Amino acid sequence: MSSTAARTPTLVNARTISLLAAAQLAIGAAAIFARFALADGGPIAVSAFRLLIASLPLAVAAALRGAFRLRDAPTERRLGLAGLMLALHFALWIASLKYASVAVSTLLVCTTPIWTEAYAVARARHVRGDVLASIALAFAGVAIVIGAPAKAETPLGIALAIGGSIAIAVYLILVRGTDSRYSTLAVVGRTYPYAAIILLVATCVLHDRIPPLGATSAWAGILAMALLSQLFGHTALNAAVRTLSATFVATVTLIEPAIAAGLAAVIFHERLAPATLAGSLVILIAIGIALRAEVRTQEKSRA
């Protein structure tokens, strides 16, 4: 094997990881955007329009590139289920922001690695010590960033955030196992519209509040979530999970609470405590451990 060929997987993974890191900046801001959107809209309606706006350019691109071609019936059903899980994730998590603080809601929705690794362990019946160590260290860092929960947290808010975490874990696992003939565009070109349609129907059935056209802040928040957090951030996440493990991708998302804290400091002039900076460093170390574990796993698979 030539040296160029040997370097190719590493270069591809480096690009994927760089894209994943940039995606976390966009996704980490979602809670901030959602707070603005929820001022004049209900959580299901906000989620529906977020996904609808993000779906339109993807659907056009997918149609133009022939990505809607039916290749495998089981995969089509798998992506339909993934769309349902995506709808549940956003509806539950955005709803949790009405009953829990941004910090605690973001922390709980980032428990995804617990569920993806639990699935991996149950399926393979093998515990990867380095992966479990990275998850534990990451949660320790998140706990430092978040601090003690405020009195405003409610059991409903906590349950909704955890439910959203489980839903996105199932989504990542389903997408990870998608037939390789389906490109990332083919995947998100299906799952985003599926989720948008489900949420639009739920908005009508449940009479969830749609923001008035004059609610500038709410629509700005929805547009920001759709174009930055969803169209770029989550699409990059879908691309990453095709080549990296679901647990690794989910572990990297644990940096989101730290990003949200940093953005809140800039936008709302909240002071970043030393503990926040220390916790962020711990999270970065945990991601480094997870990265090494992922590299070792891929090297073994290629050996």
C-alpha atoms as a PDB file:
ATOM      1  CA  MET A   1       0.000   0.000   0.000  1.00  0.00           C
ATOM      2  CA  SER A   2       1.338   3.453  -0.912  1.00  0.00           C
ATOM      3  CA  SER A   3       1.912   6.131   1.716  1.00  0.00           C
ATOM      4  CA  THR A   4      -0.770   8.295   0.053  1.00  0.00           C
ATOM      5  CA  ALA A   5      -3.333   5.519   0.307  1.00  0.00           C
ATOM      6  CA  ALA A   6      -2.347   4.851   3.899  1.00  0.00           C
ATOM      7  CA  ARG A   7      -2.890   8.502   4.793  1.00  0.00           C
ATOM      8  CA  THR A   8      -6.280   8.796   3.092  1.00  0.00           C
ATOM      9  CA  PRO A   9      -8.471   7.417   5.943  1.00  0.00           C
ATOM     10  CA  THR A  10      -6.677   9.651   8.447  1.00  0.00           C
ATOM     11  CA  LEU A  11      -7.140  12.737   6.249  1.00  0.00           C
ATOM     12  CA  VAL A  12     -10.816  11.926   5.698  1.00  0.00           C
ATOM     13  CA  ASN A  13     -11.371  11.470   9.422  1.00  0.00           C
ATOM     14  CA  ALA A  14      -9.519  14.725  10.140  1.00  0.00           C
ATOM     15  CA  ARG A  15     -11.871  16.583   7.819  1.00  0.00           C
ATOM     16  CA  THR A  16     -14.871  14.842   9.349  1.00  0.00           C
ATOM     17  CA  ILE A  17     -13.779  15.702  12.889  1.00  0.00           C
ATOM     18  CA  SER A  18     -13.108  19.340  11.908  1.00  0.00           C
ATOM     19  CA  LEU A  19     -16.591  19.551  10.395  1.00  0.00           C
ATOM     20  CA  LEU A  20     -18.033  17.962  13.526  1.00  0.00           C
ATOM     21  CA  ALA A  21     -16.292  20.552  15.713  1.00  0.00           C
ATOM     22  CA  ALA A  22     -17.701  23.421  13.644  1.00  0.00           C
ATOM     23  CA  ALA A  23     -21.141  21.830  13.792  1.00  0.00           C
ATOM     24  CA  GLN A  24     -21.034  21.886  17.597  1.00  0.00           C
ATOM     25  CA  LEU A  25     -20.717  25.677  17.540  1.00  0.00           C
ATOM     26  CA  ALA A  26     -23.911  25.918  15.499  1.00  0.00           C
ATOM     27  CA  ILE A  27     -25.782  23.296  17.505  1.00  0.00           C
ATOM     28  CA  GLY A  28     -24.573  24.675  20.845  1.00  0.00           C
ATOM     29  CA  ALA A  29     -26.295  27.969  20.035  1.00  0.00           C
ATOM     30  CA  ALA A  30     -29.655  26.270  19.446  1.00  0.00           C
ATOM     31  CA  ALA A  31     -30.833  26.683  23.050  1.00  0.00           C
ATOM     32  CA  ILE A  32     -30.209  30.424  22.836  1.00  0.00           C
ATOM     33  CA  PHE A  33     -32.167  30.656  19.577  1.00  0.00           C
ATOM     34  CA  ALA A  34     -34.953  28.489  21.006  1.00  0.00           C
ATOM     35  CA  ARG A  35     -35.409  30.795  23.982  1.00  0.00           C
ATOM     36  CA  PHE A  36     -36.169  33.666  21.591  1.00  0.00           C
ATOM     37  CA  ALA A  37     -38.513  31.471  19.527  1.00  0.00           C
ATOM     38  CA  LEU A  38     -40.460  30.208  22.547  1.00  0.00           C
ATOM     39  CA  ALA A  39     -41.311  33.770  23.626  1.00  0.00           C
ATOM     40  CA  ASP A  40     -44.152  33.794  21.067  1.00  0.00           C
ATOM     41  CA  GLY A  41     -44.485  30.193  19.923  1.00  0.00           C
ATOM     42  CA  GLY A  42     -45.191  26.709  21.219  1.00  0.00           C
ATOM     43  CA  PRO A  43     -42.454  24.047  21.296  1.00  0.00           C
ATOM     44  CA  ILE A  44     -44.019  21.770  18.679  1.00  0.00           C
ATOM     45  CA  ALA A  45     -44.719  24.631  16.259  1.00  0.00           C
ATOM     46  CA  VAL A  46     -41.225  26.046  16.756  1.00  0.00           C
ATOM     47  CA  SER A  47     -39.715  22.592  16.091  1.00  0.00           C
ATOM     48  CA  ALA A  48     -41.917  22.122  13.021  1.00  0.00           C
ATOM     49  CA  PHE A  49     -40.937  25.394  11.358  1.00  0.00           C
ATOM     50  CA  ARG A  50     -37.280  24.867  12.258  1.00  0.00           C
ATOM     51  CA  LEU A  51     -37.271  21.587  10.367  1.00  0.00           C
ATOM     52  CA  LEU A  52     -39.554  22.793   7.568  1.00  0.00           C
ATOM     53  CA  ILE A  53     -37.297  25.744   6.712  1.00  0.00           C
ATOM     54  CA  ALA A  54     -34.186  23.550   6.880  1.00  0.00           C
ATOM     55  CA  SER A  55     -35.841  20.853   4.757  1.00  0.00           C
ATOM     56  CA  LEU A  56     -36.714  23.033   1.751  1.00  0.00           C
ATOM     57  CA  PRO A  57     -33.202  23.618   0.316  1.00  0.00           C
ATOM     58  CA  LEU A  58     -32.197  20.046   1.140  1.00  0.00           C
ATOM     59  CA  ALA A  59     -35.239  18.605  -0.624  1.00  0.00           C
ATOM     60  CA  VAL A  60     -34.523  20.697  -3.725  1.00  0.00           C
ATOM     61  CA  ALA A  61     -30.855  19.657  -3.750  1.00  0.00           C
ATOM     62  CA  ALA A  62     -31.784  16.002  -3.193  1.00  0.00           C
ATOM     63  CA  ALA A  63     -34.304  16.084  -6.050  1.00  0.00           C
ATOM     64  CA  LEU A  64     -31.834  17.709  -8.451  1.00  0.00           C
ATOM     65  CA  ARG A  65     -29.138  15.154  -7.638  1.00  0.00           C
ATOM     66  CA  GLY A  66     -31.423  12.126  -7.801  1.00  0.00           C
ATOM     67  CA  ALA A  67     -31.003  11.390  -4.088  1.00  0.00           C
ATOM     68  CA  PHE A  68     -34.676  10.422  -3.732  1.00  0.00           C
ATOM     69  CA  ARG A  69     -34.181   7.297  -5.825  1.00  0.00           C
ATOM     70  CA  LEU A  70     -35.555   4.249  -4.008  1.00  0.00           C
ATOM     71  CA  ARG A  71     -32.752   1.741  -3.552  1.00  0.00           C
ATOM     72  CA  ASP A  72     -33.735  -0.438  -0.598  1.00  0.00           C
ATOM     73  CA  ALA A  73     -37.148  -0.872   1.052  1.00  0.00           C
ATOM     74  CA  PRO A  74     -35.823  -1.729   4.550  1.00  0.00           C
ATOM     75  CA  THR A  75     -33.603   1.371   4.452  1.00  0.00           C
ATOM     76  CA  GLU A  76     -36.583   3.527   3.464  1.00  0.00           C
ATOM     77  CA  ARG A  77     -38.512   2.220   6.470  1.00  0.00           C
ATOM     78  CA  ARG A  78     -35.439   2.758   8.676  1.00  0.00           C
ATOM     79  CA  LEU A  79     -35.195   6.404   7.577  1.00  0.00           C
ATOM     80  CA  GLY A  80     -38.908   6.867   8.151  1.00  0.00           C
ATOM     81  CA  LEU A  81     -38.438   5.725  11.739  1.00  0.00           C
ATOM     82  CA  ALA A  82     -35.383   7.984  12.024  1.00  0.00           C
ATOM     83  CA  GLY A  83     -37.542  10.926  10.941  1.00  0.00           C
ATOM     84  CA  LEU A  84     -40.014  10.116  13.712  1.00  0.00           C
ATOM     85  CA  MET A  85     -37.182   9.985  16.261  1.00  0.00           C
ATOM     86  CA  LEU A  86     -35.867  13.336  15.027  1.00  0.00           C
ATOM     87  CA  ALA A  87     -39.313  14.891  15.425  1.00  0.00           C
ATOM     88  CA  LEU A  88     -39.581  13.502  18.961  1.00  0.00           C
ATOM     89  CA  HIS A  89     -36.114  14.783  19.832  1.00  0.00           C
ATOM     90  CA  PHE A  90     -36.820  18.383  18.909  1.00  0.00           C
ATOM     91  CA  ALA A  91     -40.363  18.473  20.262  1.00  0.00           C
ATOM     92  CA  LEU A  92     -39.321  17.026  23.630  1.00  0.00           C
ATOM     93  CA  TRP A  93     -36.097  19.029  24.025  1.00  0.00           C
ATOM     94  CA  ILE A  94     -37.535  22.397  22.977  1.00  0.00           C
ATOM     95  CA  ALA A  95     -40.533  21.763  25.247  1.00  0.00           C
ATOM     96  CA  SER A  96     -38.137  21.071  28.138  1.00  0.00           C
ATOM     97  CA  LEU A  97     -36.805  24.623  27.826  1.00  0.00           C
ATOM     98  CA  LYS A  98     -40.172  25.854  29.124  1.00  0.00           C
ATOM     99  CA  TYR A  99     -39.833  23.815  32.306  1.00  0.00           C
ATOM    100  CA  ALA A 100     -36.081  23.743  32.940  1.00  0.00           C
ATOM    101  CA  SER A 101     -33.161  26.129  32.607  1.00  0.00           C
ATOM    102  CA  VAL A 102     -31.152  26.227  29.384  1.00  0.00           C
ATOM    103  CA  ALA A 103     -28.129  24.860  31.237  1.00  0.00           C
ATOM    104  CA  VAL A 104     -29.804  21.822  32.803  1.00  0.00           C
ATOM    105  CA  SER A 105     -31.917  21.097  29.710  1.00  0.00           C
ATOM    106  CA  THR A 106     -28.805  21.154  27.526  1.00  0.00           C
ATOM    107  CA  LEU A 107     -26.931  18.950  30.004  1.00  0.00           C
ATOM    108  CA  LEU A 108     -29.663  16.314  30.066  1.00  0.00           C
ATOM    109  CA  VAL A 109     -30.234  16.249  26.316  1.00  0.00           C
ATOM    110  CA  CYS A 110     -26.484  15.616  25.963  1.00  0.00           C
ATOM    111  CA  THR A 111     -26.726  12.314  27.866  1.00  0.00           C
ATOM    112  CA  THR A 112     -26.986  10.683  24.414  1.00  0.00           C
ATOM    113  CA  PRO A 113     -23.652   8.791  24.750  1.00  0.00           C
ATOM    114  CA  ILE A 114     -25.071   6.810  27.672  1.00  0.00           C
ATOM    115  CA  TRP A 115     -27.834   5.418  25.447  1.00  0.00           C
ATOM    116  CA  THR A 116     -25.678   4.828  22.357  1.00  0.00           C
ATOM    117  CA  GLU A 117     -22.991   3.050  24.374  1.00  0.00           C
ATOM    118  CA  ALA A 118     -25.605   1.028  26.272  1.00  0.00           C
ATOM    119  CA  TYR A 119     -26.933  -0.129  22.904  1.00  0.00           C
ATOM    120  CA  ALA A 120     -23.404  -0.929  21.689  1.00  0.00           C
ATOM    121  CA  VAL A 121     -22.619  -2.909  24.832  1.00  0.00           C
ATOM    122  CA  ALA A 122     -25.922  -4.810  24.675  1.00  0.00           C
ATOM    123  CA  ARG A 123     -25.325  -5.668  21.029  1.00  0.00           C
ATOM    124  CA  ALA A 124     -21.633  -6.557  21.230  1.00  0.00           C
ATOM    125  CA  ARG A 125     -21.657  -7.721  24.860  1.00  0.00           C
ATOM    126  CA  HIS A 126     -18.311  -5.975  25.274  1.00  0.00           C
ATOM    127  CA  VAL A 127     -17.463  -2.939  27.421  1.00  0.00           C
ATOM    128  CA  ARG A 128     -14.867  -0.542  25.959  1.00  0.00           C
ATOM    129  CA  GLY A 129     -13.057   0.902  28.945  1.00  0.00           C
ATOM    130  CA  ASP A 130     -11.576   3.929  27.175  1.00  0.00           C
ATOM    131  CA  VAL A 131     -14.968   4.939  25.748  1.00  0.00           C
ATOM    132  CA  LEU A 132     -16.688   4.591  29.115  1.00  0.00           C
ATOM    133  CA  ALA A 133     -13.878   6.583  30.745  1.00  0.00           C
ATOM    134  CA  SER A 134     -14.253   9.396  28.205  1.00  0.00           C
ATOM    135  CA  ILE A 135     -18.006   9.539  28.772  1.00  0.00           C
ATOM    136  CA  ALA A 136     -17.587   9.642  32.559  1.00  0.00           C
ATOM    137  CA  LEU A 137     -14.953  12.376  32.315  1.00  0.00           C
ATOM    138  CA  ALA A 138     -17.089  14.365  29.883  1.00  0.00           C
ATOM    139  CA  PHE A 139     -20.063  14.269  32.215  1.00  0.00           C
ATOM    140  CA  ALA A 140     -17.827  15.342  35.078  1.00  0.00           C
ATOM    141  CA  GLY A 141     -16.826  18.346  32.971  1.00  0.00           C
ATOM    142  CA  VAL A 142     -20.434  19.104  32.098  1.00  0.00           C
ATOM    143  CA  ALA A 143     -21.359  18.902  35.782  1.00  0.00           C
ATOM    144  CA  ILE A 144     -18.633  21.453  36.579  1.00  0.00           C
ATOM    145  CA  VAL A 145     -19.911  23.777  33.848  1.00  0.00           C
ATOM    146  CA  ILE A 146     -23.531  23.516  34.865  1.00  0.00           C
ATOM    147  CA  GLY A 147     -23.142  23.513  38.634  1.00  0.00           C
ATOM    148  CA  ALA A 148     -25.969  22.679  41.006  1.00  0.00           C
ATOM    149  CA  PRO A 149     -29.467  22.625  39.424  1.00  0.00           C
ATOM    150  CA  ALA A 150     -31.608  25.676  40.133  1.00  0.00           C
ATOM    151  CA  LYS A 151     -34.848  25.467  42.088  1.00  0.00           C
ATOM    152  CA  ALA A 152     -36.723  26.278  38.883  1.00  0.00           C
ATOM    153  CA  GLU A 153     -36.079  22.799  37.465  1.00  0.00           C
ATOM    154  CA  THR A 154     -39.183  20.624  37.326  1.00  0.00           C
ATOM    155  CA  PRO A 155     -39.577  16.841  36.973  1.00  0.00           C
ATOM    156  CA  LEU A 156     -41.433  17.443  33.693  1.00  0.00           C
ATOM    157  CA  GLY A 157     -38.584  19.527  32.276  1.00  0.00           C
ATOM    158  CA  ILE A 158     -36.032  16.898  33.296  1.00  0.00           C
ATOM    159  CA  ALA A 159     -38.125  14.051  31.827  1.00  0.00           C
ATOM    160  CA  LEU A 160     -38.656  15.908  28.535  1.00  0.00           C
ATOM    161  CA  ALA A 161     -34.920  16.612  28.132  1.00  0.00           C
ATOM    162  CA  ILE A 162     -33.958  12.994  28.866  1.00  0.00           C
ATOM    163  CA  GLY A 163     -36.644  11.809  26.441  1.00  0.00           C
ATOM    164  CA  GLY A 164     -35.160  14.074  23.776  1.00  0.00           C
ATOM    165  CA  SER A 165     -31.742  12.596  24.488  1.00  0.00           C
ATOM    166  CA  ILE A 166     -32.962   9.024  24.039  1.00  0.00           C
ATOM    167  CA  ALA A 167     -34.765   9.963  20.809  1.00  0.00           C
ATOM    168  CA  ILE A 168     -31.654  11.477  19.193  1.00  0.00           C
ATOM    169  CA  ALA A 169     -29.608   8.465  20.328  1.00  0.00           C
ATOM    170  CA  VAL A 170     -31.992   6.165  18.460  1.00  0.00           C
ATOM    171  CA  TYR A 171     -31.804   8.517  15.468  1.00  0.00           C
ATOM    172  CA  LEU A 172     -27.988   8.376  15.381  1.00  0.00           C
ATOM    173  CA  ILE A 173     -28.006   4.580  15.632  1.00  0.00           C
ATOM    174  CA  LEU A 174     -30.537   4.302  12.797  1.00  0.00           C
ATOM    175  CA  VAL A 175     -28.596   6.682  10.543  1.00  0.00           C
ATOM    176  CA  ARG A 176     -25.310   4.947  11.369  1.00  0.00           C
ATOM    177  CA  GLY A 177     -26.738   1.688  10.062  1.00  0.00           C
ATOM    178  CA  THR A 178     -28.104   3.150   6.830  1.00  0.00           C
ATOM    179  CA  ASP A 179     -27.271   1.394   3.547  1.00  0.00           C
ATOM    180  CA  SER A 180     -24.008   2.865   2.202  1.00  0.00           C
ATOM    181  CA  ARG A 181     -25.677   3.578  -1.151  1.00  0.00           C
ATOM    182  CA  TYR A 182     -27.602   6.379   0.568  1.00  0.00           C
ATOM    183  CA  SER A 183     -25.526   9.548   0.727  1.00  0.00           C
ATOM    184  CA  THR A 184     -25.809  12.057   3.576  1.00  0.00           C
ATOM    185  CA  LEU A 185     -27.986  14.206   1.296  1.00  0.00           C
ATOM    186  CA  ALA A 186     -30.240  11.221   0.626  1.00  0.00           C
ATOM    187  CA  VAL A 187     -30.546  10.598   4.376  1.00  0.00           C
ATOM    188  CA  VAL A 188     -31.277  14.142   5.571  1.00  0.00           C
ATOM    189  CA  GLY A 189     -33.331  14.806   2.435  1.00  0.00           C
ATOM    190  CA  ARG A 190     -35.713  12.213   3.844  1.00  0.00           C
ATOM    191  CA  THR A 191     -35.452  12.456   7.627  1.00  0.00           C
ATOM    192  CA  TYR A 192     -35.778  16.257   7.886  1.00  0.00           C
ATOM    193  CA  PRO A 193     -38.982  16.471   5.790  1.00  0.00           C
ATOM    194  CA  TYR A 194     -40.419  13.400   7.538  1.00  0.00           C
ATOM    195  CA  ALA A 195     -39.838  15.060  10.910  1.00  0.00           C
ATOM    196  CA  ALA A 196     -41.201  18.396   9.673  1.00  0.00           C
ATOM    197  CA  ILE A 197     -44.414  16.785   8.390  1.00  0.00           C
ATOM    198  CA  ILE A 198     -44.924  14.861  11.643  1.00  0.00           C
ATOM    199  CA  LEU A 199     -44.454  18.025  13.692  1.00  0.00           C
ATOM    200  CA  LEU A 200     -46.703  20.128  11.426  1.00  0.00           C
ATOM    201  CA  VAL A 201     -49.483  17.559  11.816  1.00  0.00           C
ATOM    202  CA  ALA A 202     -48.926  17.519  15.590  1.00  0.00           C
ATOM    203  CA  THR A 203     -49.043  21.342  15.639  1.00  0.00           C
ATOM    204  CA  CYS A 204     -52.454  21.312  13.954  1.00  0.00           C
ATOM    205  CA  VAL A 205     -53.881  18.432  16.008  1.00  0.00           C
ATOM    206  CA  LEU A 206     -52.669  19.826  19.344  1.00  0.00           C
ATOM    207  CA  HIS A 207     -53.340  23.485  18.369  1.00  0.00           C
ATOM    208  CA  ASP A 208     -49.823  24.467  19.364  1.00  0.00           C
ATOM    209  CA  ARG A 209     -49.145  28.210  19.211  1.00  0.00           C
ATOM    210  CA  ILE A 210     -47.583  29.449  15.943  1.00  0.00           C
ATOM    211  CA  PRO A 211     -45.634  32.710  16.358  1.00  0.00           C
ATOM    212  CA  PRO A 212     -47.416  35.729  14.794  1.00  0.00           C
ATOM    213  CA  LEU A 213     -45.740  37.079  11.660  1.00  0.00           C
ATOM    214  CA  GLY A 214     -44.923  40.268  13.558  1.00  0.00           C
ATOM    215  CA  ALA A 215     -42.999  38.382  16.268  1.00  0.00           C
ATOM    216  CA  THR A 216     -39.577  39.320  14.898  1.00  0.00           C
ATOM    217  CA  SER A 217     -37.505  37.813  17.709  1.00  0.00           C
ATOM    218  CA  ALA A 218     -39.356  34.493  17.567  1.00  0.00           C
ATOM    219  CA  TRP A 219     -38.967  34.108  13.794  1.00  0.00           C
ATOM    220  CA  ALA A 220     -35.338  35.206  13.971  1.00  0.00           C
ATOM    221  CA  GLY A 221     -34.759  32.443  16.516  1.00  0.00           C
ATOM    222  CA  ILE A 222     -36.522  29.894  14.302  1.00  0.00           C
ATOM    223  CA  LEU A 223     -34.550  30.963  11.216  1.00  0.00           C
ATOM    224  CA  ALA A 224     -31.272  30.792  13.126  1.00  0.00           C
ATOM    225  CA  MET A 225     -32.091  27.291  14.369  1.00  0.00           C
ATOM    226  CA  ALA A 226     -33.156  26.199  10.881  1.00  0.00           C
ATOM    227  CA  LEU A 227     -30.220  27.590   8.919  1.00  0.00           C
ATOM    228  CA  LEU A 228     -27.351  27.362  11.407  1.00  0.00           C
ATOM    229  CA  SER A 229     -28.212  24.706  13.993  1.00  0.00           C
ATOM    230  CA  GLN A 230     -30.195  22.400  11.691  1.00  0.00           C
ATOM    231  CA  LEU A 231     -29.167  22.891   8.061  1.00  0.00           C
ATOM    232  CA  PHE A 232     -25.466  23.156   8.864  1.00  0.00           C
ATOM    233  CA  GLY A 233     -25.012  21.714  12.362  1.00  0.00           C
ATOM    234  CA  HIS A 234     -27.221  18.634  12.267  1.00  0.00           C
ATOM    235  CA  THR A 235     -26.454  17.884   8.622  1.00  0.00           C
ATOM    236  CA  ALA A 236     -22.754  17.844   9.520  1.00  0.00           C
ATOM    237  CA  LEU A 237     -23.634  15.549  12.425  1.00  0.00           C
ATOM    238  CA  ASN A 238     -25.345  13.174   9.990  1.00  0.00           C
ATOM    239  CA  ALA A 239     -22.271  13.213   7.764  1.00  0.00           C
ATOM    240  CA  ALA A 240     -19.963  12.521  10.711  1.00  0.00           C
ATOM    241  CA  VAL A 241     -21.949   9.565  12.028  1.00  0.00           C
ATOM    242  CA  ARG A 242     -21.590   7.817   8.662  1.00  0.00           C
ATOM    243  CA  THR A 243     -17.827   7.420   9.236  1.00  0.00           C
ATOM    244  CA  LEU A 244     -17.428   7.804  13.006  1.00  0.00           C
ATOM    245  CA  SER A 245     -19.147   5.769  15.730  1.00  0.00           C
ATOM    246  CA  ALA A 246     -22.471   6.993  17.119  1.00  0.00           C
ATOM    247  CA  THR A 247     -20.975   7.003  20.630  1.00  0.00           C
ATOM    248  CA  PHE A 248     -18.013   9.155  19.573  1.00  0.00           C
ATOM    249  CA  VAL A 249     -20.261  11.662  17.776  1.00  0.00           C
ATOM    250  CA  ALA A 250     -22.609  11.738  20.753  1.00  0.00           C
ATOM    251  CA  THR A 251     -19.681  12.236  23.143  1.00  0.00           C
ATOM    252  CA  VAL A 252     -18.456  15.245  21.168  1.00  0.00           C
ATOM    253  CA  THR A 253     -21.910  16.826  21.578  1.00  0.00           C
ATOM    254  CA  LEU A 254     -21.162  17.062  25.304  1.00  0.00           C
ATOM    255  CA  ILE A 255     -19.284  20.261  24.530  1.00  0.00           C
ATOM    256  CA  GLU A 256     -22.626  21.925  23.731  1.00  0.00           C
ATOM    257  CA  PRO A 257     -23.368  23.057  27.325  1.00  0.00           C
ATOM    258  CA  ALA A 258     -19.974  24.763  27.450  1.00  0.00           C
ATOM    259  CA  ILE A 259     -20.669  26.483  24.118  1.00  0.00           C
ATOM    260  CA  ALA A 260     -24.102  27.574  25.334  1.00  0.00           C
ATOM    261  CA  ALA A 261     -22.519  29.022  28.489  1.00  0.00           C
ATOM    262  CA  GLY A 262     -19.979  30.956  26.427  1.00  0.00           C
ATOM    263  CA  LEU A 263     -22.618  32.347  24.075  1.00  0.00           C
ATOM    264  CA  ALA A 264     -24.827  33.317  27.011  1.00  0.00           C
ATOM    265  CA  ALA A 265     -21.873  35.257  28.435  1.00  0.00           C
ATOM    266  CA  VAL A 266     -21.516  37.217  25.181  1.00  0.00           C
ATOM    267  CA  ILE A 267     -25.208  37.725  24.394  1.00  0.00           C
ATOM    268  CA  PHE A 268     -26.659  38.087  27.896  1.00  0.00           C
ATOM    269  CA  HIS A 269     -23.473  39.394  29.553  1.00  0.00           C
ATOM    270  CA  GLU A 270     -23.349  36.478  31.988  1.00  0.00           C
ATOM    271  CA  ARG A 271     -19.984  36.148  33.722  1.00  0.00           C
ATOM    272  CA  LEU A 272     -18.007  33.003  32.954  1.00  0.00           C
ATOM    273  CA  ALA A 273     -16.990  31.533  36.284  1.00  0.00           C
ATOM    274  CA  PRO A 274     -13.600  29.816  36.704  1.00  0.00           C
ATOM    275  CA  ALA A 275     -15.496  26.542  37.157  1.00  0.00           C
ATOM    276  CA  THR A 276     -17.007  26.988  33.676  1.00  0.00           C
ATOM    277  CA  LEU A 277     -13.586  27.324  32.105  1.00  0.00           C
ATOM    278  CA  ALA A 278     -12.266  24.360  34.114  1.00  0.00           C
ATOM    279  CA  GLY A 279     -15.244  22.218  33.139  1.00  0.00           C
ATOM    280  CA  SER A 280     -14.785  23.108  29.474  1.00  0.00           C
ATOM    281  CA  LEU A 281     -11.169  21.948  29.665  1.00  0.00           C
ATOM    282  CA  VAL A 282     -12.249  18.640  31.217  1.00  0.00           C
ATOM    283  CA  ILE A 283     -14.757  18.169  28.378  1.00  0.00           C
ATOM    284  CA  LEU A 284     -12.059  18.794  25.782  1.00  0.00           C
ATOM    285  CA  ILE A 285      -9.793  16.219  27.465  1.00  0.00           C
ATOM    286  CA  ALA A 286     -12.663  13.713  27.444  1.00  0.00           C
ATOM    287  CA  ILE A 287     -13.232  14.318  23.742  1.00  0.00           C
ATOM    288  CA  GLY A 288      -9.510  13.757  23.172  1.00  0.00           C
ATOM    289  CA  ILE A 289      -9.751  10.368  24.909  1.00  0.00           C
ATOM    290  CA  ALA A 290     -12.806   9.467  22.826  1.00  0.00           C
ATOM    291  CA  LEU A 291     -10.961  10.512  19.668  1.00  0.00           C
ATOM    292  CA  ARG A 292      -8.029   8.225  20.484  1.00  0.00           C
ATOM    293  CA  ALA A 293     -10.464   5.380  21.160  1.00  0.00           C
ATOM    294  CA  GLU A 294     -12.165   5.999  17.812  1.00  0.00           C
ATOM    295  CA  VAL A 295      -8.844   6.007  15.936  1.00  0.00           C
ATOM    296  CA  ARG A 296      -7.812   2.733  17.598  1.00  0.00           C
ATOM    297  CA  THR A 297     -11.135   1.134  16.712  1.00  0.00           C
ATOM    298  CA  GLN A 298     -10.857   2.149  13.068  1.00  0.00           C
ATOM    299  CA  GLU A 299      -7.233   0.962  12.900  1.00  0.00           C
ATOM    300  CA  LYS A 300      -8.288  -2.450  14.235  1.00  0.00           C
ATOM    301  CA  SER A 301     -11.140  -2.641  11.726  1.00  0.00           C
ATOM    302  CA  ARG A 302      -8.729  -1.938   8.862  1.00  0.00           C
ATOM    303  CA  ALA A 303      -6.071  -4.386  10.115  1.00  0.00           C
END
